[in-house]
Amino acid sequence: MTTDVSRTFREIQPAHYLFKIESFSLLLETNTEKYESDEFEAGGYKWRLHFYPNGNKKRNVIDSISLYLVITDTKNLPQLWEVNVQFKFFVFDHIRDKYLTVQDADGMIRRFHGAKTEWGFDEFLSLKTFKTDSNGYLLDDSCVLAKVFVIKYGGKGECLSMIKEPQDNIYTWKIDNFSAITQESLFSETFNMGEQKWKLLLYPRGNVLGKGKSLSLFLEAADEETRPLNWKLYAKYKLRIIDQINAKHFEKQGGDWFSDSNNSGGFWSFMLLSDLHGGWGFIVKNTLIVEVEILIMSSIKNLTL
């Protein structure tokens, strides 16, 4: 997005918006295209950071991290609005105790307006440079990114952690009298994994794309009324139907970002009904057993600077 970029080092810690990532290698494994930070306020406007751990593919970025500053909540701004901003991004060098500063050359001021709500760096830092131990940007698979305006404002930040196999990461749902179920769908009881409450949603005869052909199965985030504002969470999971005779279980793996606008992940066409009822051991004594296993789960915590 910018061609002339200045990269220098400084010792003073940025005291504005801090973005910490724990388990960076797990974040790469999830193939997350873009991560959007929490919304924060600066200079009387609202903003987010857009972070592409594997590069912004829409701009043909390869082998580099992409990072952008995005103005939000623009519907509340006056008609023909524009905001002029000078900003810098930082990466902490844990070995030298310094911050790599990345900014537009000559401190260029960027103009945000209705047709241009995002500015930043397509090639913020190469993944090779970022992951090389001697450069100090990753320590124990964690990194610290920061942003600072020339406008002074209160400090805020967040910490994104990717947790592999959280505690009690398997939930088993036993459904008796399966053939007697008449309702279109049914939910499991609510269960806890990590710091999140979940439930399973099952369509015994399928729905939408799988209706009448396949069993549909989903993992759904529960307790929506207690979620914080702009809630989001990533989960990599396996959904499975237990083979109660031969232990040749049927399973599919998924990975989704859950949020207020998308609180479920799974499969409309999870398993063919002909296979489910084909006498392979999936339904025994009219009982179906469903499992979910969480492989990776994110945790996001607010930071105060």
Protein backbone atom coordinates (compact mmCIF):
# COMPACT_ATOMS: atom_id res chain seq x y z
CA MET A 1 0.00 0.00 0.00
CA THR A 2 3.02 2.23 0.49
CA THR A 3 6.25 2.22 -1.51
CA ASP A 4 8.67 4.38 0.53
CA VAL A 5 9.02 2.92 4.02
CA SER A 6 11.31 3.99 6.86
CA ARG A 7 12.58 1.38 9.35
CA THR A 8 14.53 2.56 12.39
CA PHE A 9 15.03 1.50 16.04
CA ARG A 10 14.06 3.23 19.27
CA GLU A 11 14.34 2.31 22.97
CA ILE A 12 11.28 4.12 24.34
CA GLN A 13 8.20 1.92 24.66
CA PRO A 14 5.20 3.11 22.62
CA ALA A 15 2.45 4.07 25.05
CA HIS A 16 -0.59 3.84 22.81
CA TYR A 17 -2.22 0.75 21.27
CA LEU A 18 -0.45 -2.55 22.04
CA PHE A 19 -1.17 -5.83 20.22
CA LYS A 20 0.44 -8.96 21.67
CA ILE A 21 0.28 -12.34 19.93
CA GLU A 22 1.03 -15.55 21.80
CA SER A 23 1.55 -18.89 19.99
CA PHE A 24 2.27 -17.20 16.65
CA SER A 25 3.09 -20.53 14.95
CA LEU A 26 -0.38 -21.86 15.86
CA LEU A 27 -1.94 -18.72 14.38
CA LEU A 28 -0.10 -19.46 11.10
CA GLU A 29 -1.37 -23.06 11.21
CA THR A 30 -4.98 -21.87 11.35
CA ASN A 31 -4.52 -20.20 7.93
CA THR A 32 -6.25 -17.11 9.29
CA GLU A 33 -6.30 -14.66 6.39
CA LYS A 34 -6.98 -11.53 8.43
CA TYR A 35 -7.27 -10.71 12.12
CA GLU A 36 -9.12 -7.53 13.15
CA SER A 37 -8.18 -6.01 16.50
CA ASP A 38 -10.70 -4.63 18.95
CA GLU A 39 -11.96 -1.17 18.17
CA PHE A 40 -10.12 1.64 19.96
CA GLU A 41 -10.43 5.42 20.08
CA ALA A 42 -7.77 7.95 19.14
CA GLY A 43 -8.02 11.64 18.37
CA GLY A 44 -11.80 11.53 18.61
CA TYR A 45 -12.13 8.75 16.00
CA LYS A 46 -12.49 4.95 16.18
CA TRP A 47 -9.95 2.59 14.65
CA ARG A 48 -8.89 -1.04 14.23
CA LEU A 49 -5.70 -2.81 13.20
CA HIS A 50 -5.98 -5.34 10.36
CA PHE A 51 -3.23 -7.95 10.66
CA TYR A 52 -2.48 -10.51 7.91
CA PRO A 53 -0.05 -13.09 9.40
CA ASN A 54 0.54 -14.75 6.00
CA GLY A 55 0.34 -11.56 3.95
CA ASN A 56 -2.55 -9.86 2.18
CA LYS A 57 -3.30 -12.28 -0.66
CA LYS A 58 -5.71 -9.83 -2.28
CA ARG A 59 -2.70 -7.57 -2.89
CA ASN A 60 -0.52 -10.53 -4.01
CA VAL A 61 1.71 -10.37 -0.92
CA ILE A 62 3.90 -13.45 -0.49
CA ASP A 63 6.07 -14.41 2.52
CA SER A 64 5.47 -11.14 4.39
CA ILE A 65 3.24 -9.87 7.19
CA SER A 66 0.77 -7.14 6.17
CA LEU A 67 -0.46 -4.57 8.70
CA TYR A 68 -2.94 -1.72 8.28
CA LEU A 69 -4.68 1.01 10.25
CA VAL A 70 -8.43 1.22 9.50
CA ILE A 71 -10.86 3.96 10.50
CA THR A 72 -14.25 2.61 11.64
CA ASP A 73 -17.70 3.85 12.63
CA THR A 74 -17.60 6.23 9.65
CA LYS A 75 -21.40 6.34 9.39
CA ASN A 76 -21.36 8.74 12.34
CA LEU A 77 -18.95 11.15 10.61
CA PRO A 78 -20.20 14.18 8.67
CA GLN A 79 -20.72 14.03 4.92
CA LEU A 80 -17.50 14.39 2.86
CA TRP A 81 -15.42 13.75 5.99
CA GLU A 82 -11.64 13.37 5.95
CA VAL A 83 -9.07 12.68 8.68
CA ASN A 84 -5.35 13.39 8.26
CA VAL A 85 -3.09 11.16 10.33
CA GLN A 86 0.57 10.44 10.85
CA PHE A 87 1.11 7.02 12.41
CA LYS A 88 3.85 4.50 13.14
CA PHE A 89 3.91 0.75 13.76
CA PHE A 90 6.39 -0.98 16.08
CA VAL A 91 7.73 -4.50 16.62
CA PHE A 92 9.55 -5.28 19.87
CA ASP A 93 13.06 -6.78 19.65
CA HIS A 94 13.27 -8.92 22.81
CA ILE A 95 17.02 -9.47 22.48
CA ARG A 96 18.16 -5.84 22.13
CA ASP A 97 15.27 -4.40 24.16
CA LYS A 98 14.42 -2.00 21.34
CA TYR A 99 11.48 -1.33 19.04
CA LEU A 100 11.72 -1.57 15.27
CA THR A 101 9.80 1.45 13.98
CA VAL A 102 8.01 1.17 10.64
CA GLN A 103 6.48 4.28 9.10
CA ASP A 104 6.03 6.13 5.85
CA ALA A 105 9.24 7.79 4.72
CA ASP A 106 9.63 11.44 5.78
CA GLY A 107 6.74 11.08 8.24
CA MET A 108 4.15 11.39 5.49
CA ILE A 109 0.63 12.28 6.61
CA ARG A 110 -2.07 9.97 5.29
CA ARG A 111 -5.57 11.15 4.40
CA PHE A 112 -8.47 8.89 5.39
CA HIS A 113 -11.81 9.57 3.68
CA GLY A 114 -14.93 7.79 2.43
CA ALA A 115 -13.17 6.11 -0.48
CA LYS A 116 -9.96 5.39 1.48
CA THR A 117 -10.52 4.03 4.99
CA GLU A 118 -7.31 1.96 5.29
CA TRP A 119 -3.60 2.80 5.21
CA GLY A 120 -0.62 0.65 6.12
CA PHE A 121 2.04 -1.66 4.78
CA ASP A 122 1.58 -4.60 2.41
CA GLU A 123 5.07 -5.85 3.26
CA PHE A 124 5.33 -4.77 6.87
CA LEU A 125 8.01 -7.36 7.66
CA SER A 126 9.12 -10.51 5.85
CA LEU A 127 8.15 -13.74 7.60
CA LYS A 128 11.74 -14.96 7.32
CA THR A 129 13.04 -11.86 9.12
CA PHE A 130 10.23 -12.01 11.66
CA LYS A 131 10.78 -15.70 12.49
CA THR A 132 14.60 -15.65 12.60
CA ASP A 133 15.54 -16.17 16.27
CA SER A 134 18.55 -13.84 16.18
CA ASN A 135 16.34 -10.89 15.22
CA GLY A 136 14.48 -11.13 18.51
CA TYR A 137 10.96 -10.41 17.24
CA LEU A 138 9.59 -13.79 18.38
CA LEU A 139 10.33 -14.92 21.94
CA ASP A 140 8.77 -18.19 23.10
CA ASP A 141 6.58 -17.98 19.99
CA SER A 142 5.17 -14.60 21.13
CA CYS A 143 5.52 -11.11 19.68
CA VAL A 144 4.50 -7.55 20.55
CA LEU A 145 3.24 -5.08 17.95
CA ALA A 146 2.28 -1.49 18.70
CA LYS A 147 0.89 1.58 16.99
CA VAL A 148 1.27 5.24 17.87
CA PHE A 149 -0.29 8.43 16.53
CA VAL A 150 1.23 11.84 16.75
CA ILE A 151 -2.04 12.58 18.59
CA LYS A 152 -1.76 11.79 22.29
CA TYR A 153 -4.48 9.60 23.80
CA GLY A 154 -5.12 7.01 26.50
CA GLY A 155 -3.36 3.67 26.12
CA LYS A 156 -5.14 0.43 25.30
CA GLY A 157 -4.33 -2.94 23.80
CA GLU A 158 -5.10 -6.62 23.50
CA CYS A 159 -3.34 -9.98 23.73
CA LEU A 160 -4.24 -12.76 21.26
CA SER A 161 -3.26 -16.26 22.43
CA MET A 162 -3.71 -19.50 20.50
CA ILE A 163 -4.19 -22.41 22.92
CA LYS A 164 -3.52 -25.95 21.71
CA GLU A 165 -5.88 -28.59 23.07
CA PRO A 166 -7.47 -26.61 25.92
CA GLN A 167 -8.35 -28.42 29.14
CA ASP A 168 -11.29 -30.86 28.89
CA ASN A 169 -11.26 -30.45 25.11
CA ILE A 170 -13.57 -33.39 24.26
CA TYR A 171 -17.33 -33.38 24.82
CA THR A 172 -19.49 -36.47 24.25
CA TRP A 173 -23.21 -36.25 23.53
CA LYS A 174 -25.25 -39.46 23.83
CA ILE A 175 -28.62 -39.34 22.05
CA ASP A 176 -31.03 -42.15 23.03
CA ASN A 177 -34.16 -43.20 21.10
CA PHE A 178 -32.66 -41.63 18.00
CA SER A 179 -35.24 -43.03 15.58
CA ALA A 180 -38.06 -41.51 17.66
CA ILE A 181 -36.84 -37.91 17.19
CA THR A 182 -39.46 -35.93 15.30
CA GLN A 183 -38.14 -32.38 15.61
CA GLU A 184 -36.12 -30.90 12.76
CA SER A 185 -33.15 -30.08 15.00
CA LEU A 186 -31.93 -30.52 18.56
CA PHE A 187 -29.28 -28.99 20.81
CA SER A 188 -26.96 -30.70 23.26
CA GLU A 189 -26.60 -29.43 26.78
CA THR A 190 -24.30 -26.42 27.18
CA PHE A 191 -20.71 -27.39 28.01
CA ASN A 192 -17.46 -25.55 28.83
CA MET A 193 -14.18 -25.72 26.95
CA GLY A 194 -11.46 -23.24 27.75
CA GLU A 195 -13.17 -20.01 28.78
CA GLN A 196 -16.10 -20.49 26.39
CA LYS A 197 -19.51 -22.12 26.69
CA TRP A 198 -20.57 -24.23 23.70
CA LYS A 199 -23.39 -26.46 22.48
CA LEU A 200 -23.83 -28.85 19.56
CA LEU A 201 -26.62 -28.45 17.00
CA LEU A 202 -27.79 -31.56 15.14
CA TYR A 203 -30.24 -31.95 12.24
CA PRO A 204 -31.02 -35.73 12.20
CA ARG A 205 -32.41 -35.61 8.65
CA GLY A 206 -30.23 -32.75 7.46
CA ASN A 207 -31.04 -29.18 6.51
CA VAL A 208 -30.40 -26.75 3.63
CA LEU A 209 -27.75 -28.40 1.36
CA GLY A 210 -27.93 -31.72 3.20
CA LYS A 211 -31.69 -31.96 3.71
CA GLY A 212 -32.96 -35.49 3.17
CA LYS A 213 -29.48 -36.70 2.20
CA SER A 214 -27.06 -36.02 5.03
CA LEU A 215 -26.97 -35.46 8.75
CA SER A 216 -26.09 -31.80 9.52
CA LEU A 217 -23.88 -31.04 12.54
CA PHE A 218 -22.57 -27.77 14.01
CA LEU A 219 -20.55 -26.41 16.93
CA GLU A 220 -22.23 -23.28 18.30
CA ALA A 221 -21.03 -20.67 20.79
CA ALA A 222 -23.48 -20.35 23.67
CA ASP A 223 -24.44 -17.68 26.23
CA GLU A 224 -24.61 -14.85 23.70
CA GLU A 225 -26.22 -12.55 26.27
CA THR A 226 -23.05 -12.51 28.42
CA ARG A 227 -20.51 -11.92 25.64
CA PRO A 228 -18.49 -8.69 25.64
CA LEU A 229 -18.93 -6.11 22.90
CA ASN A 230 -17.22 -7.04 19.60
CA TRP A 231 -16.66 -10.59 20.89
CA LYS A 232 -14.63 -12.92 18.68
CA LEU A 233 -12.97 -16.32 19.08
CA TYR A 234 -11.18 -18.82 16.82
CA ALA A 235 -11.61 -22.58 17.18
CA LYS A 236 -10.16 -25.47 15.20
CA TYR A 237 -12.23 -28.54 15.95
CA LYS A 238 -13.23 -32.07 14.97
CA LEU A 239 -16.85 -33.20 14.89
CA ARG A 240 -17.37 -36.97 14.91
CA ILE A 241 -19.96 -39.73 15.01
CA ILE A 242 -18.79 -42.65 17.14
CA ASP A 243 -18.64 -46.14 15.64
CA GLN A 244 -19.79 -48.12 18.67
CA ILE A 245 -18.80 -51.52 17.24
CA ASN A 246 -15.63 -51.20 15.16
CA ALA A 247 -14.24 -47.89 16.52
CA LYS A 248 -13.97 -46.60 12.93
CA HIS A 249 -15.39 -43.23 13.79
CA PHE A 250 -16.58 -40.77 11.17
CA GLU A 251 -15.21 -37.25 11.63
CA LYS A 252 -14.63 -33.95 9.86
CA GLN A 253 -12.34 -31.10 10.84
CA GLY A 254 -13.26 -27.43 10.72
CA GLY A 255 -11.80 -24.08 11.72
CA ASP A 256 -13.81 -20.88 12.14
CA TRP A 257 -13.74 -17.42 13.68
CA PHE A 258 -16.84 -17.16 15.87
CA SER A 259 -18.36 -13.72 16.48
CA ASP A 260 -21.67 -11.94 17.11
CA SER A 261 -22.46 -12.21 13.41
CA ASN A 262 -21.26 -15.82 13.02
CA ASN A 263 -21.70 -17.91 16.16
CA SER A 264 -21.56 -21.41 14.64
CA GLY A 265 -19.31 -23.60 12.51
CA GLY A 266 -19.82 -27.02 11.02
CA PHE A 267 -21.29 -28.88 8.08
CA TRP A 268 -24.69 -28.96 6.38
CA SER A 269 -23.62 -32.20 4.68
CA PHE A 270 -21.73 -33.84 7.52
CA MET A 271 -22.51 -37.55 6.95
CA LEU A 272 -24.64 -39.34 4.40
CA LEU A 273 -27.82 -40.72 5.94
CA SER A 274 -27.25 -43.97 4.02
CA ASP A 275 -23.93 -44.42 5.84
CA LEU A 276 -25.38 -43.38 9.20
CA HIS A 277 -28.17 -45.96 8.99
CA GLY A 278 -26.17 -48.53 7.04
CA GLY A 279 -25.47 -50.88 9.93
CA TRP A 280 -21.85 -49.83 10.39
CA GLY A 281 -22.12 -49.38 14.15
CA PHE A 282 -23.01 -45.69 14.29
CA ILE A 283 -26.47 -46.35 15.74
CA VAL A 284 -26.55 -49.15 18.31
CA LYS A 285 -29.62 -49.97 20.41
CA ASN A 286 -31.18 -46.86 18.90
CA THR A 287 -28.43 -44.67 20.40
CA LEU A 288 -26.25 -42.19 18.51
CA ILE A 289 -23.06 -40.83 20.09
CA VAL A 290 -21.67 -37.47 18.89
CA GLU A 291 -18.35 -35.93 19.93
CA VAL A 292 -16.58 -32.63 19.48
CA GLU A 293 -12.85 -32.17 20.07
CA ILE A 294 -11.31 -28.68 20.24
CA LEU A 295 -7.78 -28.75 18.77
CA ILE A 296 -6.89 -25.04 18.92
CA MET A 297 -8.76 -22.19 20.57
CA SER A 298 -7.99 -18.50 20.83
CA SER A 299 -8.05 -16.37 23.95
CA ILE A 300 -8.23 -12.58 23.77
CA LYS A 301 -7.48 -10.39 26.78
CA ASN A 302 -7.52 -6.62 27.08
CA LEU A 303 -4.31 -4.83 28.03
CA THR A 304 -3.95 -1.50 29.80
CA LEU A 305 -0.75 0.44 29.07
